[in-house]
PDB file of N, CA and C in Angstrom:
ATOM      1  N   MET A   1     203.251 -12.123 -53.001  1.00  0.00           N
ATOM      2  CA  MET A   1     203.499 -12.496 -53.938  1.00  0.00           C
ATOM      3  C   MET A   1     202.762 -10.982 -54.680  1.00  0.00           C
ATOM      4  N   THR A   2     203.190 -10.858 -55.567  1.00  0.00           N
ATOM      5  CA  THR A   2     202.440  -9.649 -56.130  1.00  0.00           C
ATOM      6  C   THR A   2     202.148  -9.944 -57.936  1.00  0.00           C
ATOM      7  N   LEU A   3     200.647  -9.678 -57.917  1.00  0.00           N
ATOM      8  CA  LEU A   3     199.881  -9.810 -59.370  1.00  0.00           C
ATOM      9  C   LEU A   3     200.356  -9.500 -60.226  1.00  0.00           C
ATOM     10  N   PRO A   4     200.625  -9.256 -62.140  1.00  0.00           N
ATOM     11  CA  PRO A   4     200.816  -8.248 -62.603  1.00  0.00           C
ATOM     12  C   PRO A   4     199.845  -7.619 -62.955  1.00  0.00           C
ATOM     13  N   ASP A   5     199.830  -6.247 -63.372  1.00  0.00           N
ATOM     14  CA  ASP A   5     198.913  -5.271 -62.762  1.00  0.00           C
ATOM     15  C   ASP A   5     197.229  -5.702 -63.541  1.00  0.00           C
ATOM     16  N   GLY A   6     197.638  -6.528 -64.747  1.00  0.00           N
ATOM     17  CA  GLY A   6     196.998  -6.713 -65.960  1.00  0.00           C
ATOM     18  C   GLY A   6     195.546  -7.956 -65.222  1.00  0.00           C
ATOM     19  N   VAL A   7     196.991  -8.918 -64.346  1.00  0.00           N
ATOM     20  CA  VAL A   7     195.711 -10.373 -63.695  1.00  0.00           C
ATOM     21  C   VAL A   7     195.054  -9.077 -62.434  1.00  0.00           C
ATOM     22  N   GLN A   8     195.693  -8.459 -61.403  1.00  0.00           N
ATOM     23  CA  GLN A   8     195.132  -7.428 -61.086  1.00  0.00           C
ATOM     24  C   GLN A   8     193.951  -7.161 -61.539  1.00  0.00           C
ATOM     25  N   ALA A   9     193.533  -6.691 -62.818  1.00  0.00           N
ATOM     26  CA  ALA A   9     193.096  -5.736 -63.060  1.00  0.00           C
ATOM     27  C   ALA A   9     191.535  -6.810 -63.681  1.00  0.00           C
ATOM     28  N   ALA A  10     192.243  -7.990 -63.991  1.00  0.00           N
ATOM     29  CA  ALA A  10     191.040  -8.931 -64.707  1.00  0.00           C
ATOM     30  C   ALA A  10     190.235  -9.372 -63.344  1.00  0.00           C
ATOM     31  N   ASN A  11     190.930 -10.091 -62.459  1.00  0.00           N
ATOM     32  CA  ASN A  11     190.457 -10.433 -61.044  1.00  0.00           C
ATOM     33  C   ASN A  11     189.693  -9.251 -60.550  1.00  0.00           C
ATOM     34  N   ALA A  12     189.860  -7.923 -60.938  1.00  0.00           N
ATOM     35  CA  ALA A  12     188.674  -6.818 -60.732  1.00  0.00           C
ATOM     36  C   ALA A  12     187.869  -6.626 -61.185  1.00  0.00           C
ATOM     37  N   LEU A  13     187.859  -6.619 -62.361  1.00  0.00           N
ATOM     38  CA  LEU A  13     186.955  -7.145 -63.048  1.00  0.00           C
ATOM     39  C   LEU A  13     185.583  -8.507 -62.820  1.00  0.00           C
ATOM     40  N   HIS A  14     186.343  -9.325 -62.770  1.00  0.00           N
ATOM     41  CA  HIS A  14     185.724 -10.196 -62.040  1.00  0.00           C
ATOM     42  C   HIS A  14     184.987 -10.087 -61.480  1.00  0.00           C
ATOM     43  N   ILE A  15     185.486  -9.748 -60.243  1.00  0.00           N
ATOM     44  CA  ILE A  15     184.812  -9.165 -58.678  1.00  0.00           C
ATOM     45  C   ILE A  15     183.765  -8.463 -59.535  1.00  0.00           C
ATOM     46  N   ASP A  16     184.081  -6.932 -59.663  1.00  0.00           N
ATOM     47  CA  ASP A  16     183.133  -6.664 -60.159  1.00  0.00           C
ATOM     48  C   ASP A  16     182.186  -6.859 -60.738  1.00  0.00           C
ATOM     49  N   THR A  17     182.233  -7.353 -61.378  1.00  0.00           N
ATOM     50  CA  THR A  17     181.242  -7.605 -62.820  1.00  0.00           C
ATOM     51  C   THR A  17     180.039  -9.404 -62.194  1.00  0.00           C
ATOM     52  N   SER A  18     181.029 -10.288 -61.279  1.00  0.00           N
ATOM     53  CA  SER A  18     180.101 -10.997 -60.153  1.00  0.00           C
ATOM     54  C   SER A  18     178.922 -10.298 -59.245  1.00  0.00           C
ATOM     55  N   ARG A  19     179.701  -9.029 -58.335  1.00  0.00           N
ATOM     56  CA  ARG A  19     178.877  -7.692 -57.955  1.00  0.00           C
ATOM     57  C   ARG A  19     177.610  -7.486 -58.863  1.00  0.00           C
ATOM     58  N   SER A  20     177.754  -7.085 -59.902  1.00  0.00           N
ATOM     59  CA  SER A  20     177.048  -6.659 -61.094  1.00  0.00           C
ATOM     60  C   SER A  20     176.086  -8.105 -61.372  1.00  0.00           C
ATOM     61  N   GLU A  21     176.605  -8.844 -61.608  1.00  0.00           N
ATOM     62  CA  GLU A  21     175.421  -9.724 -61.685  1.00  0.00           C
ATOM     63  C   GLU A  21     174.728 -10.228 -60.062  1.00  0.00           C
ATOM     64  N   LEU A  22     175.129 -10.164 -58.900  1.00  0.00           N
ATOM     65  CA  LEU A  22     174.260 -10.926 -58.004  1.00  0.00           C
ATOM     66  C   LEU A  22     173.606  -9.061 -57.730  1.00  0.00           C
ATOM     67  N   TYR A  23     173.920  -7.820 -57.998  1.00  0.00           N
ATOM     68  CA  TYR A  23     172.703  -7.271 -57.990  1.00  0.00           C
ATOM     69  C   TYR A  23     171.973  -7.206 -58.890  1.00  0.00           C
ATOM     70  N   ILE A  24     172.492  -7.546 -59.821  1.00  0.00           N
ATOM     71  CA  ILE A  24     170.751  -7.577 -61.105  1.00  0.00           C
ATOM     72  C   ILE A  24     170.220  -8.919 -60.471  1.00  0.00           C
ATOM     73  N   ALA A  25     170.530  -9.990 -60.182  1.00  0.00           N
ATOM     74  CA  ALA A  25     169.253 -11.237 -59.326  1.00  0.00           C
ATOM     75  C   ALA A  25     168.843 -10.547 -58.247  1.00  0.00           C
ATOM     76  N   SER A  26     169.423  -9.603 -57.440  1.00  0.00           N
ATOM     77  CA  SER A  26     168.207  -9.415 -56.440  1.00  0.00           C
ATOM     78  C   SER A  26     167.729  -8.463 -56.559  1.00  0.00           C
ATOM     79  N   GLY A  27     168.414  -7.832 -57.399  1.00  0.00           N
ATOM     80  CA  GLY A  27     167.370  -6.562 -58.207  1.00  0.00           C
ATOM     81  C   GLY A  27     166.095  -6.930 -58.954  1.00  0.00           C
ATOM     82  N   SER A  28     166.402  -8.361 -60.046  1.00  0.00           N
ATOM     83  CA  SER A  28     164.696  -9.264 -60.151  1.00  0.00           C
ATOM     84  C   SER A  28     164.657  -9.467 -59.422  1.00  0.00           C
ATOM     85  N   LYS A  29     164.993 -10.362 -58.429  1.00  0.00           N
ATOM     86  CA  LYS A  29     163.815 -11.471 -57.239  1.00  0.00           C
ATOM     87  C   LYS A  29     163.540  -9.552 -56.163  1.00  0.00           C
ATOM     88  N   LEU A  30     163.451  -8.619 -56.066  1.00  0.00           N
ATOM     89  CA  LEU A  30     163.398  -7.614 -55.633  1.00  0.00           C
ATOM     90  C   LEU A  30     162.009  -6.887 -56.294  1.00  0.00           C
ATOM     91  N   ALA A  31     162.330  -7.328 -57.230  1.00  0.00           N
ATOM     92  CA  ALA A  31     161.353  -6.267 -58.625  1.00  0.00           C
ATOM     93  C   ALA A  31     160.271  -7.483 -58.153  1.00  0.00           C
ATOM     94  N   GLY A  32     160.511  -8.708 -58.374  1.00  0.00           N
ATOM     95  CA  GLY A  32     159.459  -9.420 -58.459  1.00  0.00           C
ATOM     96  C   GLY A  32     158.405  -9.152 -57.569  1.00  0.00           C
ATOM     97  N   LEU A  33     159.069  -9.127 -56.680  1.00  0.00           N
ATOM     98  CA  LEU A  33     158.721  -9.314 -55.357  1.00  0.00           C
ATOM     99  C   LEU A  33     157.350  -7.825 -54.873  1.00  0.00           C
ATOM    100  N   VAL A  34     158.003  -6.254 -55.399  1.00  0.00           N
ATOM    101  CA  VAL A  34     157.398  -5.570 -55.402  1.00  0.00           C
ATOM    102  C   VAL A  34     156.151  -5.588 -55.963  1.00  0.00           C
ATOM    103  N   GLN A  35     156.653  -6.090 -57.412  1.00  0.00           N
ATOM    104  CA  GLN A  35     154.966  -6.847 -57.898  1.00  0.00           C
ATOM    105  C   GLN A  35     154.056  -7.655 -57.334  1.00  0.00           C
ATOM    106  N   TYR A  36     154.605  -8.429 -56.409  1.00  0.00           N
ATOM    107  CA  TYR A  36     153.169  -9.177 -56.086  1.00  0.00           C
ATOM    108  C   TYR A  36     152.831  -8.695 -55.045  1.00  0.00           C
ATOM    109  N   LEU A  37     153.798  -7.630 -54.210  1.00  0.00           N
ATOM    110  CA  LEU A  37     152.701  -6.731 -52.967  1.00  0.00           C
ATOM    111  C   LEU A  37     152.447  -6.234 -53.717  1.00  0.00           C
ATOM    112  N   GLN A  38     152.359  -5.403 -55.063  1.00  0.00           N
ATOM    113  CA  GLN A  38     150.982  -4.660 -55.638  1.00  0.00           C
ATOM    114  C   GLN A  38     150.329  -5.587 -55.802  1.00  0.00           C
ATOM    115  N   LYS A  39     150.572  -6.455 -57.208  1.00  0.00           N
ATOM    116  CA  LYS A  39     148.973  -6.943 -56.849  1.00  0.00           C
ATOM    117  C   LYS A  39     148.206  -7.553 -55.937  1.00  0.00           C
ATOM    118  N   ARG A  40     149.213  -8.075 -54.757  1.00  0.00           N
ATOM    119  CA  ARG A  40     148.423  -8.173 -53.350  1.00  0.00           C
ATOM    120  C   ARG A  40     148.108  -7.498 -52.581  1.00  0.00           C
ATOM    121  N   LEU A  41     147.878  -6.241 -53.104  1.00  0.00           N
ATOM    122  CA  LEU A  41     147.422  -5.035 -52.313  1.00  0.00           C
ATOM    123  C   LEU A  41     146.225  -4.845 -53.334  1.00  0.00           C
ATOM    124  N   ARG A  42     146.281  -4.515 -54.626  1.00  0.00           N
ATOM    125  CA  ARG A  42     144.979  -4.715 -55.280  1.00  0.00           C
ATOM    126  C   ARG A  42     144.300  -5.796 -55.157  1.00  0.00           C
ATOM    127  N   THR A  43     144.450  -6.590 -54.737  1.00  0.00           N
ATOM    128  CA  THR A  43     143.558  -7.785 -54.458  1.00  0.00           C
ATOM    129  C   THR A  43     142.507  -7.558 -53.388  1.00  0.00           C
ATOM    130  N   LEU A  44     143.353  -6.965 -52.146  1.00  0.00           N
ATOM    131  CA  LEU A  44     142.934  -6.757 -50.838  1.00  0.00           C
ATOM    132  C   LEU A  44     141.948  -5.485 -50.631  1.00  0.00           C
ATOM    133  N   GLU A  45     142.792  -4.576 -51.555  1.00  0.00           N
ATOM    134  CA  GLU A  45     142.024  -3.469 -51.598  1.00  0.00           C
ATOM    135  C   GLU A  45     140.382  -3.675 -51.986  1.00  0.00           C
ATOM    136  N   GLY A  46     141.065  -4.535 -53.116  1.00  0.00           N
ATOM    137  CA  GLY A  46     139.418  -4.883 -53.734  1.00  0.00           C
ATOM    138  C   GLY A  46     138.068  -5.694 -52.963  1.00  0.00           C
ATOM    139  N   GLU A  47     138.935  -6.612 -52.103  1.00  0.00           N
ATOM    140  CA  GLU A  47     138.510  -7.428 -51.215  1.00  0.00           C
ATOM    141  C   GLU A  47     138.102  -6.198 -50.302  1.00  0.00           C
ATOM    142  N   ASN A  48     138.630  -5.506 -49.624  1.00  0.00           N
ATOM    143  CA  ASN A  48     138.370  -4.598 -48.609  1.00  0.00           C
ATOM    144  C   ASN A  48     136.734  -3.396 -49.402  1.00  0.00           C
ATOM    145  N   THR A  49     136.519  -3.354 -50.632  1.00  0.00           N
ATOM    146  CA  THR A  49     135.721  -2.579 -50.895  1.00  0.00           C
ATOM    147  C   THR A  49     134.791  -3.716 -51.281  1.00  0.00           C
ATOM    148  N   SER A  50     134.897  -4.214 -51.624  1.00  0.00           N
ATOM    149  CA  SER A  50     133.127  -5.312 -51.519  1.00  0.00           C
ATOM    150  C   SER A  50     132.926  -5.838 -49.789  1.00  0.00           C
ATOM    151  N   LEU A  51     133.848  -6.117 -48.727  1.00  0.00           N
ATOM    152  CA  LEU A  51     133.169  -6.103 -47.854  1.00  0.00           C
ATOM    153  C   LEU A  51     133.301  -4.819 -47.320  1.00  0.00           C
ATOM    154  N   GLU A  52     133.072  -4.122 -46.987  1.00  0.00           N
ATOM    155  CA  GLU A  52     132.520  -2.627 -47.299  1.00  0.00           C
ATOM    156  C   GLU A  52     131.109  -2.266 -47.371  1.00  0.00           C
ATOM    157  N   GLN A  53     131.166  -2.428 -49.371  1.00  0.00           N
ATOM    158  CA  GLN A  53     129.447  -2.373 -49.420  1.00  0.00           C
ATOM    159  C   GLN A  53     128.697  -3.373 -48.990  1.00  0.00           C
ATOM    160  N   LEU A  54     128.970  -5.046 -48.672  1.00  0.00           N
ATOM    161  CA  LEU A  54     128.667  -5.833 -48.059  1.00  0.00           C
ATOM    162  C   LEU A  54     128.234  -5.612 -46.739  1.00  0.00           C
ATOM    163  N   SER A  55     129.181  -4.923 -46.246  1.00  0.00           N
ATOM    164  CA  SER A  55     128.859  -4.202 -44.331  1.00  0.00           C
ATOM    165  C   SER A  55     127.856  -3.400 -44.883  1.00  0.00           C
ATOM    166  N   SER A  56     127.750  -2.170 -45.900  1.00  0.00           N
ATOM    167  CA  SER A  56     126.694  -1.027 -45.979  1.00  0.00           C
ATOM    168  C   SER A  56     125.357  -1.689 -45.879  1.00  0.00           C
ATOM    169  N   ARG A  57     125.340  -3.125 -47.227  1.00  0.00           N
ATOM    170  CA  ARG A  57     123.966  -3.175 -47.063  1.00  0.00           C
ATOM    171  C   ARG A  57     123.360  -3.994 -46.165  1.00  0.00           C
ATOM    172  N   LEU A  58     123.888  -4.761 -45.720  1.00  0.00           N
ATOM    173  CA  LEU A  58     123.889  -5.031 -44.370  1.00  0.00           C
ATOM    174  C   LEU A  58     123.309  -4.375 -43.368  1.00  0.00           C
ATOM    175  N   ARG A  59     123.725  -3.873 -42.901  1.00  0.00           N
ATOM    176  CA  ARG A  59     123.604  -2.340 -41.912  1.00  0.00           C
ATOM    177  C   ARG A  59     122.432  -1.980 -42.250  1.00  0.00           C
ATOM    178  N   THR A  60     121.966  -1.802 -44.009  1.00  0.00           N
ATOM    179  CA  THR A  60     120.828  -0.958 -44.606  1.00  0.00           C
ATOM    180  C   THR A  60     119.778  -1.861 -44.378  1.00  0.00           C
ATOM    181  N   ASP A  61     119.982  -2.927 -44.365  1.00  0.00           N
ATOM    182  CA  ASP A  61     119.210  -4.430 -44.186  1.00  0.00           C
ATOM    183  C   ASP A  61     118.552  -4.465 -42.663  1.00  0.00           C
ATOM    184  N   LEU A  62     119.514  -4.450 -41.975  1.00  0.00           N
ATOM    185  CA  LEU A  62     119.709  -4.896 -40.587  1.00  0.00           C
ATOM    186  C   LEU A  62     118.241  -3.315 -39.983  1.00  0.00           C
ATOM    187  N   GLU A  63     118.431  -1.857 -39.849  1.00  0.00           N
ATOM    188  CA  GLU A  63     117.573  -0.652 -39.986  1.00  0.00           C
ATOM    189  C   GLU A  63     116.625  -0.989 -40.526  1.00  0.00           C
ATOM    190  N   ALA A  64     116.042  -1.916 -41.598  1.00  0.00           N
ATOM    191  CA  ALA A  64     114.737  -1.595 -41.899  1.00  0.00           C
ATOM    192  C   ALA A  64     114.063  -3.034 -41.356  1.00  0.00           C
ATOM    193  N   ALA A  65     115.309  -3.753 -41.022  1.00  0.00           N
ATOM    194  CA  ALA A  65     114.165  -5.198 -40.015  1.00  0.00           C
ATOM    195  C   ALA A  65     113.909  -4.667 -38.640  1.00  0.00           C
ATOM    196  N   SER A  66     114.963  -3.612 -38.647  1.00  0.00           N
ATOM    197  CA  SER A  66     114.370  -3.528 -36.953  1.00  0.00           C
ATOM    198  C   SER A  66     113.180  -2.868 -37.401  1.00  0.00           C
ATOM    199  N   LYS A  67     113.000  -1.820 -38.011  1.00  0.00           N
ATOM    200  CA  LYS A  67     112.155  -0.894 -38.515  1.00  0.00           C
ATOM    201  C   LYS A  67     110.450  -1.291 -38.414  1.00  0.00           C
ATOM    202  N   ARG A  68     110.718  -2.298 -39.477  1.00  0.00           N
ATOM    203  CA  ARG A  68     109.551  -3.413 -39.830  1.00  0.00           C
ATOM    204  C   ARG A  68     109.434  -4.426 -38.607  1.00  0.00           C
ATOM    205  N   ALA A  69     110.260  -4.992 -36.774  1.00  0.00           N
ATOM    206  CA  ALA A  69     110.191  -5.705 -36.038  1.00  0.00           C
ATOM    207  C   ALA A  69     109.138  -4.597 -34.848  1.00  0.00           C
ATOM    208  N   THR A  70     109.688  -3.296 -35.005  1.00  0.00           N
ATOM    209  CA  THR A  70     109.389  -2.088 -34.333  1.00  0.00           C
ATOM    210  C   THR A  70     107.510  -1.861 -34.889  1.00  0.00           C
ATOM    211  N   GLN A  71     107.652  -1.405 -36.072  1.00  0.00           N
ATOM    212  CA  GLN A  71     106.328  -1.050 -36.918  1.00  0.00           C
ATOM    213  C   GLN A  71     104.702  -2.653 -36.496  1.00  0.00           C
ATOM    214  N   ALA A  72     105.537  -3.876 -36.190  1.00  0.00           N
ATOM    215  CA  ALA A  72     104.962  -5.651 -35.656  1.00  0.00           C
ATOM    216  C   ALA A  72     104.329  -5.124 -34.968  1.00  0.00           C
ATOM    217  N   ASP A  73     105.777  -4.943 -34.127  1.00  0.00           N
ATOM    218  CA  ASP A  73     105.214  -5.172 -32.011  1.00  0.00           C
ATOM    219  C   ASP A  73     104.047  -4.024 -32.111  1.00  0.00           C
ATOM    220  N   GLN A  74     104.167  -2.965 -32.362  1.00  0.00           N
ATOM    221  CA  GLN A  74     103.119  -1.384 -32.266  1.00  0.00           C
ATOM    222  C   GLN A  74     102.298  -2.343 -32.757  1.00  0.00           C
ATOM    223  N   ALA A  75     101.798  -2.958 -34.276  1.00  0.00           N
ATOM    224  CA  ALA A  75     100.555  -3.505 -34.573  1.00  0.00           C
ATOM    225  C   ALA A  75      99.984  -4.303 -33.474  1.00  0.00           C
ATOM    226  N   ARG A  76     101.076  -5.064 -33.180  1.00  0.00           N
ATOM    227  CA  ARG A  76     100.588  -6.573 -32.199  1.00  0.00           C
ATOM    228  C   ARG A  76     100.257  -5.767 -30.977  1.00  0.00           C
ATOM    229  N   LEU A  77     100.513  -4.764 -29.617  1.00  0.00           N
ATOM    230  CA  LEU A  77      99.761  -4.197 -29.427  1.00  0.00           C
ATOM    231  C   LEU A  77      98.778  -3.324 -29.352  1.00  0.00           C
ATOM    232  N   GLU A  78      98.352  -2.664 -30.490  1.00  0.00           N
ATOM    233  CA  GLU A  78      97.103  -2.426 -30.635  1.00  0.00           C
ATOM    234  C   GLU A  78      96.076  -3.244 -31.302  1.00  0.00           C
ATOM    235  N   THR A  79      96.988  -4.710 -31.662  1.00  0.00           N
ATOM    236  CA  THR A  79      95.789  -5.305 -31.783  1.00  0.00           C
ATOM    237  C   THR A  79      95.237  -6.563 -30.264  1.00  0.00           C
ATOM    238  N   ALA A  80      95.610  -6.476 -29.569  1.00  0.00           N
ATOM    239  CA  ALA A  80      95.935  -6.708 -28.138  1.00  0.00           C
ATOM    240  C   ALA A  80      95.208  -5.645 -27.277  1.00  0.00           C
ATOM    241  N   GLU A  81      95.075  -4.303 -27.663  1.00  0.00           N
ATOM    242  CA  GLU A  81      94.171  -3.743 -26.680  1.00  0.00           C
ATOM    243  C   GLU A  81      93.211  -3.822 -27.236  1.00  0.00           C
ATOM    244  N   LYS A  82      92.998  -3.586 -28.793  1.00  0.00           N
ATOM    245  CA  LYS A  82      91.593  -3.668 -29.698  1.00  0.00           C
ATOM    246  C   LYS A  82      90.824  -4.949 -29.268  1.00  0.00           C
ATOM    247  N   LEU A  83      91.246  -6.281 -28.953  1.00  0.00           N
ATOM    248  CA  LEU A  83      90.814  -7.244 -28.735  1.00  0.00           C
ATOM    249  C   LEU A  83      90.441  -7.373 -27.190  1.00  0.00           C
ATOM    250  N   ARG A  84      91.033  -6.367 -25.935  1.00  0.00           N
ATOM    251  CA  ARG A  84      90.849  -6.452 -25.050  1.00  0.00           C
ATOM    252  C   ARG A  84      89.978  -5.420 -24.795  1.00  0.00           C
ATOM    253  N   ASN A  85      89.818  -4.204 -26.352  1.00  0.00           N
ATOM    254  CA  ASN A  85      88.483  -3.902 -25.188  1.00  0.00           C
ATOM    255  C   ASN A  85      87.134  -3.764 -26.120  1.00  0.00           C
ATOM    256  N   SER A  86      86.925  -5.093 -27.102  1.00  0.00           N
ATOM    257  CA  SER A  86      85.925  -6.015 -27.552  1.00  0.00           C
ATOM    258  C   SER A  86      86.188  -6.286 -26.715  1.00  0.00           C
ATOM    259  N   LEU A  87      86.298  -7.425 -25.523  1.00  0.00           N
ATOM    260  CA  LEU A  87      86.198  -7.996 -24.281  1.00  0.00           C
ATOM    261  C   LEU A  87      84.978  -7.644 -23.335  1.00  0.00           C
ATOM    262  N   ARG A  88      86.008  -6.270 -22.916  1.00  0.00           N
ATOM    263  CA  ARG A  88      85.333  -5.234 -22.304  1.00  0.00           C
ATOM    264  C   ARG A  88      83.920  -5.035 -22.922  1.00  0.00           C
ATOM    265  N   SER A  89      83.814  -5.148 -24.136  1.00  0.00           N
ATOM    266  CA  SER A  89      83.040  -4.405 -25.006  1.00  0.00           C
ATOM    267  C   SER A  89      81.302  -5.587 -24.920  1.00  0.00           C
ATOM    268  N   GLN A  90      82.094  -6.700 -24.889  1.00  0.00           N
ATOM    269  CA  GLN A  90      81.249  -8.052 -24.799  1.00  0.00           C
ATOM    270  C   GLN A  90      80.175  -8.505 -23.671  1.00  0.00           C
ATOM    271  N   GLU A  91      82.108  -8.486 -22.952  1.00  0.00           N
ATOM    272  CA  GLU A  91      81.260  -8.349 -20.981  1.00  0.00           C
ATOM    273  C   GLU A  91      80.481  -7.322 -20.320  1.00  0.00           C
ATOM    274  N   ASP A  92      80.304  -5.919 -20.766  1.00  0.00           N
ATOM    275  CA  ASP A  92      79.861  -4.839 -20.678  1.00  0.00           C
ATOM    276  C   ASP A  92      78.329  -5.426 -21.070  1.00  0.00           C
ATOM    277  N   GLN A  93      78.106  -5.659 -22.907  1.00  0.00           N
ATOM    278  CA  GLN A  93      77.425  -5.852 -23.621  1.00  0.00           C
ATOM    279  C   GLN A  93      76.363  -7.039 -22.556  1.00  0.00           C
ATOM    280  N   GLU A  94      77.187  -8.262 -22.542  1.00  0.00           N
ATOM    281  CA  GLU A  94      76.372  -9.396 -21.626  1.00  0.00           C
ATOM    282  C   GLU A  94      75.932  -8.792 -19.865  1.00  0.00           C
ATOM    283  N   ARG A  95      76.502  -7.996 -19.208  1.00  0.00           N
ATOM    284  CA  ARG A  95      76.077  -7.631 -17.829  1.00  0.00           C
ATOM    285  C   ARG A  95      74.959  -6.657 -18.108  1.00  0.00           C
ATOM    286  N   LEU A  96      74.446  -5.571 -19.287  1.00  0.00           N
ATOM    287  CA  LEU A  96      73.608  -4.840 -19.385  1.00  0.00           C
ATOM    288  C   LEU A  96      72.514  -5.704 -19.476  1.00  0.00           C
ATOM    289  N   MET A  97      73.005  -7.009 -20.795  1.00  0.00           N
ATOM    290  CA  MET A  97      70.952  -7.648 -21.085  1.00  0.00           C
ATOM    291  C   MET A  97      70.731  -8.494 -19.654  1.00  0.00           C
ATOM    292  N   HIS A  98      71.282  -8.812 -18.896  1.00  0.00           N
ATOM    293  CA  HIS A  98      71.639  -9.342 -17.442  1.00  0.00           C
ATOM    294  C   HIS A  98      70.627  -8.292 -17.355  1.00  0.00           C
ATOM    295  N   GLN A  99      70.773  -7.357 -16.968  1.00  0.00           N
ATOM    296  CA  GLN A  99      70.315  -6.541 -16.287  1.00  0.00           C
ATOM    297  C   GLN A  99      69.024  -6.165 -17.098  1.00  0.00           C
ATOM    298  N   VAL A 100      68.887  -5.609 -18.398  1.00  0.00           N
ATOM    299  CA  VAL A 100      67.696  -5.602 -19.190  1.00  0.00           C
ATOM    300  C   VAL A 100      66.738  -6.723 -18.329  1.00  0.00           C
ATOM    301  N   GLN A 101      67.579  -8.087 -18.457  1.00  0.00           N
ATOM    302  CA  GLN A 101      66.289  -9.074 -18.049  1.00  0.00           C
ATOM    303  C   GLN A 101      65.805  -9.155 -17.140  1.00  0.00           C
ATOM    304  N   GLU A 102      67.081  -8.793 -15.889  1.00  0.00           N
ATOM    305  CA  GLU A 102      66.283  -8.440 -14.077  1.00  0.00           C
ATOM    306  C   GLU A 102      65.170  -7.778 -14.259  1.00  0.00           C
ATOM    307  N   THR A 103      65.340  -6.371 -15.091  1.00  0.00           N
ATOM    308  CA  THR A 103      64.826  -5.487 -15.071  1.00  0.00           C
ATOM    309  C   THR A 103      63.093  -5.473 -15.675  1.00  0.00           C
ATOM    310  N   ASN A 104      63.341  -6.608 -17.012  1.00  0.00           N
ATOM    311  CA  ASN A 104      62.376  -6.968 -17.087  1.00  0.00           C
ATOM    312  C   ASN A 104      61.529  -8.157 -16.520  1.00  0.00           C
ATOM    313  N   LEU A 105      61.604  -8.593 -15.856  1.00  0.00           N
ATOM    314  CA  LEU A 105      61.358  -9.977 -14.626  1.00  0.00           C
ATOM    315  C   LEU A 105      61.103  -9.145 -13.270  1.00  0.00           C
ATOM    316  N   LEU A 106      61.384  -8.090 -12.926  1.00  0.00           N
ATOM    317  CA  LEU A 106      60.772  -7.385 -11.942  1.00  0.00           C
ATOM    318  C   LEU A 106      59.615  -6.443 -12.249  1.00  0.00           C
ATOM    319  N   ARG A 107      59.695  -6.087 -13.724  1.00  0.00           N
ATOM    320  CA  ARG A 107      58.368  -5.299 -14.069  1.00  0.00           C
ATOM    321  C   ARG A 107      57.197  -5.946 -14.171  1.00  0.00           C
ATOM    322  N   GLU A 108      57.838  -7.194 -14.794  1.00  0.00           N
ATOM    323  CA  GLU A 108      56.577  -8.592 -15.261  1.00  0.00           C
ATOM    324  C   GLU A 108      55.926  -8.802 -13.554  1.00  0.00           C
ATOM    325  N   SER A 109      56.984  -9.360 -12.741  1.00  0.00           N
ATOM    326  CA  SER A 109      56.322  -9.189 -11.199  1.00  0.00           C
ATOM    327  C   SER A 109      55.488  -8.036 -10.394  1.00  0.00           C
ATOM    328  N   ASN A 110      55.962  -6.841 -11.008  1.00  0.00           N
ATOM    329  CA  ASN A 110      55.244  -5.683 -10.244  1.00  0.00           C
ATOM    330  C   ASN A 110      53.977  -6.074 -11.546  1.00  0.00           C
ATOM    331  N   VAL A 111      53.571  -6.006 -12.189  1.00  0.00           N
ATOM    332  CA  VAL A 111      52.489  -6.032 -13.158  1.00  0.00           C
ATOM    333  C   VAL A 111      51.723  -7.509 -12.336  1.00  0.00           C
ATOM    334  N   THR A 112      52.319  -8.190 -12.346  1.00  0.00           N
ATOM    335  CA  THR A 112      51.784  -9.420 -11.733  1.00  0.00           C
ATOM    336  C   THR A 112      51.249  -9.809 -11.003  1.00  0.00           C
ATOM    337  N   LEU A 113      51.959  -8.455  -9.635  1.00  0.00           N
ATOM    338  CA  LEU A 113      51.160  -8.340  -8.146  1.00  0.00           C
ATOM    339  C   LEU A 113      50.792  -7.299  -8.320  1.00  0.00           C
ATOM    340  N   ARG A 114      50.807  -6.381  -8.805  1.00  0.00           N
ATOM    341  CA  ARG A 114      49.433  -4.955  -8.938  1.00  0.00           C
ATOM    342  C   ARG A 114      48.075  -5.671  -9.523  1.00  0.00           C
TER     343      ARG A 114
END
């Protein structure tokens, strides 16, 4: 059965209109998705920039802390060396004082024996 040309044209127009509405609806959804993705991209780029700045700041802080730790370690080693030298000096001084006392005793003994 064949439909009159006017009915076929109306059906074709209805189909075309439905397709257009479908394209518009899907286009609108697509535009919304694109907008969402663009907004999300900007948000992620901002977060990335913040994280890069934080990373840079932390790296700088780490380098400074490492330098201070190295300096503190060197200072500790120098202090330990000075302390060892001081103890050696004290031991040397005590040994010399003991030798002086022995020498004085020997001198007194020699004076007494003469």
